[in-house]
Amino acid sequence: MHTPSRPEDLDHPEQLWSRAVIMAMVDAACSTRTEFALDEDGVWCHSTGGDGWWRLSVFAGGRAVFCGQDPDGSHTHVDGEQIDFLAGGPDWLPWDLLRDDAAGNMFGFVYWWENGAWHRIPYPQEVREDGLDGAAPWVGSHEEFLGLTASSFDVPHVHERALAETVDRFAALVREGRADAGAVTALLTAAAAEGRPAPRVDVALDIATRAGILA
């Protein structure tokens, strides 16, 4: 990934949506205090370490918005003022939501997808880092996605590689339109162990169904 990030660093929004939903459903099913949420505004992660966050929203016509911040890596102030991440943005952006985010100084990056490509504002020369790689390295790396998802199973590190392979197989089913409730159950029970709480399959199925990734 470039520093600061560039539009070509992000994969197609359909890939990002599948990854984000899979991360959310695994974390919600295996954690008692998940940092992920799915609502009318999209898929959120409210803490990527050090109060970082990201949100992926999808819209009619194949459009999408990805935004967020890494407090340790988003250096996007010039002369003491936050740069305007929304300058020149298209009319279809969720302006009320984004303006609220901007008013709270919540942005380190804002990307939107239309006409087959990601776009962002031109950064001033003073912006050396926007924090995308710190907050969401998975947007440009399938391997990062697999590792982050496997870590949500809360198992010893030695087992995470095998779980990453299981996640990869499930992600392939989603891409092929063949993921169903049985596949979700198989994914979540792959890490089942005696003495550990059973994953909340019903929670994962609710997220997967509402997000539209099941056949």
C-alpha atoms as a PDB file:
ATOM      1  CA  MET A   1       0.000   0.000   0.000  1.00  0.00           C
ATOM      2  CA  HIS A   2       1.225   3.491  -0.844  1.00  0.00           C
ATOM      3  CA  THR A   3       1.968   6.151   1.759  1.00  0.00           C
ATOM      4  CA  PRO A   4      -0.295   8.058   1.807  1.00  0.00           C
ATOM      5  CA  SER A   5      -2.794   5.665   0.279  1.00  0.00           C
ATOM      6  CA  ARG A   6      -4.042   5.925  -3.286  1.00  0.00           C
ATOM      7  CA  PRO A   7      -7.307   4.781  -4.906  1.00  0.00           C
ATOM      8  CA  GLU A   8      -5.594   1.833  -6.565  1.00  0.00           C
ATOM      9  CA  ASP A   9      -4.674   0.453  -3.124  1.00  0.00           C
ATOM     10  CA  LEU A  10      -8.289  -0.588  -2.459  1.00  0.00           C
ATOM     11  CA  ASP A  11      -9.827  -3.714  -3.959  1.00  0.00           C
ATOM     12  CA  HIS A  12     -13.252  -3.796  -5.608  1.00  0.00           C
ATOM     13  CA  PRO A  13     -16.100  -2.823  -3.225  1.00  0.00           C
ATOM     14  CA  GLU A  14     -17.816  -6.191  -3.690  1.00  0.00           C
ATOM     15  CA  GLN A  15     -14.694  -7.865  -2.309  1.00  0.00           C
ATOM     16  CA  LEU A  16     -14.494  -5.354   0.513  1.00  0.00           C
ATOM     17  CA  TRP A  17     -18.144  -5.869   1.429  1.00  0.00           C
ATOM     18  CA  SER A  18     -17.709  -9.642   1.662  1.00  0.00           C
ATOM     19  CA  ARG A  19     -14.547  -9.275   3.744  1.00  0.00           C
ATOM     20  CA  ALA A  20     -16.087  -6.702   6.072  1.00  0.00           C
ATOM     21  CA  VAL A  21     -19.218  -8.789   6.630  1.00  0.00           C
ATOM     22  CA  ILE A  22     -17.233 -11.977   7.275  1.00  0.00           C
ATOM     23  CA  MET A  23     -15.003 -10.191   9.790  1.00  0.00           C
ATOM     24  CA  ALA A  24     -18.069  -8.723  11.488  1.00  0.00           C
ATOM     25  CA  MET A  25     -19.994 -11.981  11.732  1.00  0.00           C
ATOM     26  CA  VAL A  26     -17.026 -13.990  13.050  1.00  0.00           C
ATOM     27  CA  ASP A  27     -16.115 -11.368  15.633  1.00  0.00           C
ATOM     28  CA  ALA A  28     -19.721 -10.912  16.766  1.00  0.00           C
ATOM     29  CA  ALA A  29     -20.225 -14.668  17.056  1.00  0.00           C
ATOM     30  CA  CYS A  30     -16.999 -15.340  18.951  1.00  0.00           C
ATOM     31  CA  SER A  31     -16.681 -12.225  21.131  1.00  0.00           C
ATOM     32  CA  THR A  32     -18.752 -10.987  24.031  1.00  0.00           C
ATOM     33  CA  ARG A  33     -17.869  -7.361  23.234  1.00  0.00           C
ATOM     34  CA  THR A  34     -17.574  -7.083  19.471  1.00  0.00           C
ATOM     35  CA  GLU A  35     -16.265  -3.888  17.901  1.00  0.00           C
ATOM     36  CA  PHE A  36     -18.242  -4.520  14.698  1.00  0.00           C
ATOM     37  CA  ALA A  37     -21.749  -3.465  13.743  1.00  0.00           C
ATOM     38  CA  LEU A  38     -24.043  -3.656  10.728  1.00  0.00           C
ATOM     39  CA  ASP A  39     -26.764  -1.036  10.376  1.00  0.00           C
ATOM     40  CA  GLU A  40     -28.463   1.126   7.761  1.00  0.00           C
ATOM     41  CA  ASP A  41     -25.214   3.046   7.228  1.00  0.00           C
ATOM     42  CA  GLY A  42     -23.105  -0.025   6.451  1.00  0.00           C
ATOM     43  CA  VAL A  43     -20.543  -2.226   8.179  1.00  0.00           C
ATOM     44  CA  TRP A  44     -18.554  -0.545  10.954  1.00  0.00           C
ATOM     45  CA  CYS A  45     -15.527  -1.380  13.009  1.00  0.00           C
ATOM     46  CA  HIS A  46     -15.451   0.947  15.997  1.00  0.00           C
ATOM     47  CA  SER A  47     -11.965   0.169  17.251  1.00  0.00           C
ATOM     48  CA  THR A  48      -8.997  -0.862  15.134  1.00  0.00           C
ATOM     49  CA  GLY A  49      -6.591  -0.197  17.995  1.00  0.00           C
ATOM     50  CA  GLY A  50      -6.119   3.168  19.680  1.00  0.00           C
ATOM     51  CA  ASP A  51      -9.697   4.274  18.929  1.00  0.00           C
ATOM     52  CA  GLY A  52      -9.332   3.858  15.176  1.00  0.00           C
ATOM     53  CA  TRP A  53     -12.406   3.105  13.099  1.00  0.00           C
ATOM     54  CA  TRP A  54     -13.730   2.458   9.596  1.00  0.00           C
ATOM     55  CA  ARG A  55     -17.087   2.200   7.841  1.00  0.00           C
ATOM     56  CA  LEU A  56     -18.015   0.652   4.491  1.00  0.00           C
ATOM     57  CA  SER A  57     -21.311   1.735   2.918  1.00  0.00           C
ATOM     58  CA  VAL A  58     -22.771   0.459  -0.344  1.00  0.00           C
ATOM     59  CA  PHE A  59     -25.406   2.128  -2.497  1.00  0.00           C
ATOM     60  CA  ALA A  60     -27.565   1.508  -5.544  1.00  0.00           C
ATOM     61  CA  GLY A  61     -25.793   1.457  -8.865  1.00  0.00           C
ATOM     62  CA  GLY A  62     -22.710  -0.262  -7.474  1.00  0.00           C
ATOM     63  CA  ARG A  63     -21.517   2.829  -5.596  1.00  0.00           C
ATOM     64  CA  ALA A  64     -19.721   2.685  -2.258  1.00  0.00           C
ATOM     65  CA  VAL A  65     -17.976   4.794   0.384  1.00  0.00           C
ATOM     66  CA  PHE A  66     -15.116   3.723   2.620  1.00  0.00           C
ATOM     67  CA  CYS A  67     -13.952   6.068   5.362  1.00  0.00           C
ATOM     68  CA  GLY A  68     -12.286   6.038   8.752  1.00  0.00           C
ATOM     69  CA  GLN A  69      -9.263   7.080  10.753  1.00  0.00           C
ATOM     70  CA  ASP A  70      -6.172   5.738  12.476  1.00  0.00           C
ATOM     71  CA  PRO A  71      -5.380   8.205  15.292  1.00  0.00           C
ATOM     72  CA  ASP A  72      -1.721   7.178  15.279  1.00  0.00           C
ATOM     73  CA  GLY A  73      -1.292   7.170  11.507  1.00  0.00           C
ATOM     74  CA  SER A  74      -3.731   9.720  10.096  1.00  0.00           C
ATOM     75  CA  HIS A  75      -1.679  12.906   9.793  1.00  0.00           C
ATOM     76  CA  THR A  76      -4.091  14.997   7.772  1.00  0.00           C
ATOM     77  CA  HIS A  77      -3.918  18.473   9.289  1.00  0.00           C
ATOM     78  CA  VAL A  78      -2.247  21.307   7.410  1.00  0.00           C
ATOM     79  CA  ASP A  79      -1.349  24.472   9.328  1.00  0.00           C
ATOM     80  CA  GLY A  80      -3.414  23.188  12.234  1.00  0.00           C
ATOM     81  CA  GLU A  81      -6.569  22.630  10.170  1.00  0.00           C
ATOM     82  CA  GLN A  82      -8.070  19.322   9.077  1.00  0.00           C
ATOM     83  CA  ILE A  83      -8.135  19.004   5.301  1.00  0.00           C
ATOM     84  CA  ASP A  84     -11.572  18.883   3.656  1.00  0.00           C
ATOM     85  CA  PHE A  85     -12.028  15.238   2.678  1.00  0.00           C
ATOM     86  CA  LEU A  86     -15.419  15.952   1.103  1.00  0.00           C
ATOM     87  CA  ALA A  87     -14.434  18.775  -1.256  1.00  0.00           C
ATOM     88  CA  GLY A  88     -15.799  18.097  -4.722  1.00  0.00           C
ATOM     89  CA  GLY A  89     -17.522  14.878  -3.696  1.00  0.00           C
ATOM     90  CA  PRO A  90     -20.408  13.649  -5.882  1.00  0.00           C
ATOM     91  CA  ASP A  91     -24.031  14.484  -5.093  1.00  0.00           C
ATOM     92  CA  TRP A  92     -24.951  10.903  -4.153  1.00  0.00           C
ATOM     93  CA  LEU A  93     -22.652  10.745  -1.113  1.00  0.00           C
ATOM     94  CA  PRO A  94     -24.461  10.378   2.265  1.00  0.00           C
ATOM     95  CA  TRP A  95     -23.769  14.012   3.022  1.00  0.00           C
ATOM     96  CA  ASP A  96     -25.517  14.319   6.394  1.00  0.00           C
ATOM     97  CA  LEU A  97     -23.667  11.317   7.786  1.00  0.00           C
ATOM     98  CA  LEU A  98     -20.304  12.375   6.383  1.00  0.00           C
ATOM     99  CA  ARG A  99     -20.676  15.970   7.550  1.00  0.00           C
ATOM    100  CA  ASP A 100     -21.365  14.704  11.071  1.00  0.00           C
ATOM    101  CA  ASP A 101     -18.190  12.616  10.882  1.00  0.00           C
ATOM    102  CA  ALA A 102     -16.210  15.586   9.592  1.00  0.00           C
ATOM    103  CA  ALA A 103     -17.546  17.854  12.340  1.00  0.00           C
ATOM    104  CA  GLY A 104     -16.249  15.369  14.901  1.00  0.00           C
ATOM    105  CA  ASN A 105     -12.793  15.355  13.294  1.00  0.00           C
ATOM    106  CA  MET A 106     -13.292  11.658  12.574  1.00  0.00           C
ATOM    107  CA  PHE A 107     -11.619  11.384   9.175  1.00  0.00           C
ATOM    108  CA  GLY A 108      -8.195  10.220   8.161  1.00  0.00           C
ATOM    109  CA  PHE A 109      -9.377   8.991   4.751  1.00  0.00           C
ATOM    110  CA  VAL A 110     -12.542   9.075   2.640  1.00  0.00           C
ATOM    111  CA  TYR A 111     -12.892   7.099  -0.587  1.00  0.00           C
ATOM    112  CA  TRP A 112     -15.880   6.710  -2.876  1.00  0.00           C
ATOM    113  CA  TRP A 113     -16.443   4.230  -5.699  1.00  0.00           C
ATOM    114  CA  GLU A 114     -18.210   5.183  -8.906  1.00  0.00           C
ATOM    115  CA  ASN A 115     -17.729   4.544 -12.620  1.00  0.00           C
ATOM    116  CA  GLY A 116     -15.605   1.499 -11.895  1.00  0.00           C
ATOM    117  CA  ALA A 117     -12.933   3.121  -9.723  1.00  0.00           C
ATOM    118  CA  TRP A 118     -12.162   4.460  -6.263  1.00  0.00           C
ATOM    119  CA  HIS A 119     -11.729   8.210  -5.849  1.00  0.00           C
ATOM    120  CA  ARG A 120     -10.598  10.634  -3.148  1.00  0.00           C
ATOM    121  CA  ILE A 121      -9.671  14.286  -2.927  1.00  0.00           C
ATOM    122  CA  PRO A 122      -6.182  15.300  -4.087  1.00  0.00           C
ATOM    123  CA  TYR A 123      -4.075  15.465  -0.933  1.00  0.00           C
ATOM    124  CA  PRO A 124      -2.004  18.567  -0.211  1.00  0.00           C
ATOM    125  CA  GLN A 125       1.719  17.940  -0.473  1.00  0.00           C
ATOM    126  CA  GLU A 126       2.010  18.252   3.307  1.00  0.00           C
ATOM    127  CA  VAL A 127      -0.058  15.085   3.890  1.00  0.00           C
ATOM    128  CA  ARG A 128       2.459  12.279   4.307  1.00  0.00           C
ATOM    129  CA  GLU A 129       0.184   9.606   5.794  1.00  0.00           C
ATOM    130  CA  ASP A 130      -3.585   9.148   5.981  1.00  0.00           C
ATOM    131  CA  GLY A 131      -3.729   6.047   8.185  1.00  0.00           C
ATOM    132  CA  LEU A 132      -5.541   3.684   5.816  1.00  0.00           C
ATOM    133  CA  ASP A 133      -2.867   1.013   6.144  1.00  0.00           C
ATOM    134  CA  GLY A 134      -3.049   1.170   9.933  1.00  0.00           C
ATOM    135  CA  ALA A 135      -6.830   1.231  10.251  1.00  0.00           C
ATOM    136  CA  ALA A 136      -7.779  -1.191   7.467  1.00  0.00           C
ATOM    137  CA  PRO A 137      -4.876  -3.051   5.822  1.00  0.00           C
ATOM    138  CA  TRP A 138      -7.373  -5.680   4.646  1.00  0.00           C
ATOM    139  CA  VAL A 139      -8.863  -3.375   1.981  1.00  0.00           C
ATOM    140  CA  GLY A 140      -5.945  -4.138  -0.312  1.00  0.00           C
ATOM    141  CA  SER A 141      -4.824  -7.530   0.957  1.00  0.00           C
ATOM    142  CA  HIS A 142      -6.738 -10.790   1.078  1.00  0.00           C
ATOM    143  CA  GLU A 143      -4.026 -12.221   3.344  1.00  0.00           C
ATOM    144  CA  GLU A 144      -4.509  -9.415   5.873  1.00  0.00           C
ATOM    145  CA  PHE A 145      -8.239 -10.101   5.818  1.00  0.00           C
ATOM    146  CA  LEU A 146      -7.678 -13.801   6.487  1.00  0.00           C
ATOM    147  CA  GLY A 147      -5.307 -13.133   9.370  1.00  0.00           C
ATOM    148  CA  LEU A 148      -7.538 -10.547  11.022  1.00  0.00           C
ATOM    149  CA  THR A 149     -10.587 -12.789  10.741  1.00  0.00           C
ATOM    150  CA  ALA A 150      -8.750 -15.820  12.107  1.00  0.00           C
ATOM    151  CA  SER A 151      -7.613 -13.783  15.119  1.00  0.00           C
ATOM    152  CA  SER A 152     -11.257 -13.141  16.073  1.00  0.00           C
ATOM    153  CA  PHE A 153     -11.771 -16.827  16.887  1.00  0.00           C
ATOM    154  CA  ASP A 154      -9.863 -16.298  20.160  1.00  0.00           C
ATOM    155  CA  VAL A 155      -7.744 -19.430  19.869  1.00  0.00           C
ATOM    156  CA  PRO A 156      -4.011 -19.970  20.431  1.00  0.00           C
ATOM    157  CA  HIS A 157      -1.922 -18.388  17.699  1.00  0.00           C
ATOM    158  CA  VAL A 158      -0.685 -21.791  16.553  1.00  0.00           C
ATOM    159  CA  HIS A 159      -4.191 -22.586  15.255  1.00  0.00           C
ATOM    160  CA  GLU A 160      -4.743 -19.351  13.347  1.00  0.00           C
ATOM    161  CA  ARG A 161      -3.136 -20.520  10.099  1.00  0.00           C
ATOM    162  CA  ALA A 162      -5.541 -23.452   9.794  1.00  0.00           C
ATOM    163  CA  LEU A 163      -8.446 -21.154  10.618  1.00  0.00           C
ATOM    164  CA  ALA A 164      -7.302 -18.680   7.965  1.00  0.00           C
ATOM    165  CA  GLU A 165      -7.572 -21.482   5.408  1.00  0.00           C
ATOM    166  CA  THR A 166     -11.096 -22.230   6.646  1.00  0.00           C
ATOM    167  CA  VAL A 167     -12.019 -18.549   6.303  1.00  0.00           C
ATOM    168  CA  ASP A 168     -10.562 -18.548   2.792  1.00  0.00           C
ATOM    169  CA  ARG A 169     -12.792 -21.452   1.780  1.00  0.00           C
ATOM    170  CA  PHE A 170     -15.854 -19.703   3.179  1.00  0.00           C
ATOM    171  CA  ALA A 171     -14.948 -16.461   1.371  1.00  0.00           C
ATOM    172  CA  ALA A 172     -14.729 -18.449  -1.871  1.00  0.00           C
ATOM    173  CA  LEU A 173     -18.253 -19.772  -1.283  1.00  0.00           C
ATOM    174  CA  VAL A 174     -19.481 -16.196  -0.823  1.00  0.00           C
ATOM    175  CA  ARG A 175     -17.820 -15.100  -4.080  1.00  0.00           C
ATOM    176  CA  GLU A 176     -19.404 -18.027  -5.900  1.00  0.00           C
ATOM    177  CA  GLY A 177     -22.860 -17.357  -4.432  1.00  0.00           C
ATOM    178  CA  ARG A 178     -22.899 -20.719  -2.643  1.00  0.00           C
ATOM    179  CA  ALA A 179     -22.580 -19.718   1.023  1.00  0.00           C
ATOM    180  CA  ASP A 180     -25.525 -20.835   3.148  1.00  0.00           C
ATOM    181  CA  ALA A 181     -26.433 -21.353   6.796  1.00  0.00           C
ATOM    182  CA  GLY A 182     -24.607 -24.671   6.864  1.00  0.00           C
ATOM    183  CA  ALA A 183     -21.424 -23.034   5.600  1.00  0.00           C
ATOM    184  CA  VAL A 184     -21.657 -20.345   8.293  1.00  0.00           C
ATOM    185  CA  THR A 185     -22.100 -23.010  10.965  1.00  0.00           C
ATOM    186  CA  ALA A 186     -19.146 -25.008   9.639  1.00  0.00           C
ATOM    187  CA  LEU A 187     -16.950 -21.907   9.627  1.00  0.00           C
ATOM    188  CA  LEU A 188     -17.754 -20.965  13.199  1.00  0.00           C
ATOM    189  CA  THR A 189     -17.502 -24.458  14.653  1.00  0.00           C
ATOM    190  CA  ALA A 190     -14.112 -25.087  13.030  1.00  0.00           C
ATOM    191  CA  ALA A 191     -12.450 -23.649  16.129  1.00  0.00           C
ATOM    192  CA  ALA A 192     -14.767 -25.258  18.683  1.00  0.00           C
ATOM    193  CA  ALA A 193     -12.909 -26.635  21.680  1.00  0.00           C
ATOM    194  CA  GLU A 194     -13.933 -28.175  24.962  1.00  0.00           C
ATOM    195  CA  GLY A 195     -14.170 -25.617  27.731  1.00  0.00           C
ATOM    196  CA  ARG A 196     -14.656 -22.671  25.388  1.00  0.00           C
ATOM    197  CA  PRO A 197     -17.989 -20.903  24.876  1.00  0.00           C
ATOM    198  CA  ALA A 198     -19.790 -22.061  21.757  1.00  0.00           C
ATOM    199  CA  PRO A 199     -19.870 -19.467  18.967  1.00  0.00           C
ATOM    200  CA  ARG A 200     -23.182 -17.662  18.614  1.00  0.00           C
ATOM    201  CA  VAL A 201     -24.154 -18.975  15.211  1.00  0.00           C
ATOM    202  CA  ASP A 202     -27.513 -17.191  15.328  1.00  0.00           C
ATOM    203  CA  VAL A 203     -25.758 -13.820  15.629  1.00  0.00           C
ATOM    204  CA  ALA A 204     -23.526 -14.592  12.648  1.00  0.00           C
ATOM    205  CA  LEU A 205     -26.470 -15.763  10.550  1.00  0.00           C
ATOM    206  CA  ASP A 206     -28.368 -12.571  11.326  1.00  0.00           C
ATOM    207  CA  ILE A 207     -25.451 -10.430  10.117  1.00  0.00           C
ATOM    208  CA  ALA A 208     -24.830 -12.561   7.025  1.00  0.00           C
ATOM    209  CA  THR A 209     -28.512 -12.530   6.087  1.00  0.00           C
ATOM    210  CA  ARG A 210     -28.979  -8.784   6.551  1.00  0.00           C
ATOM    211  CA  ALA A 211     -25.769  -8.115   4.612  1.00  0.00           C
ATOM    212  CA  GLY A 212     -26.945 -10.279   1.709  1.00  0.00           C
ATOM    213  CA  ILE A 213     -23.954 -12.617   1.439  1.00  0.00           C
ATOM    214  CA  LEU A 214     -25.900 -15.890   1.682  1.00  0.00           C
ATOM    215  CA  ALA A 215     -27.275 -17.796  -1.288  1.00  0.00           C
END
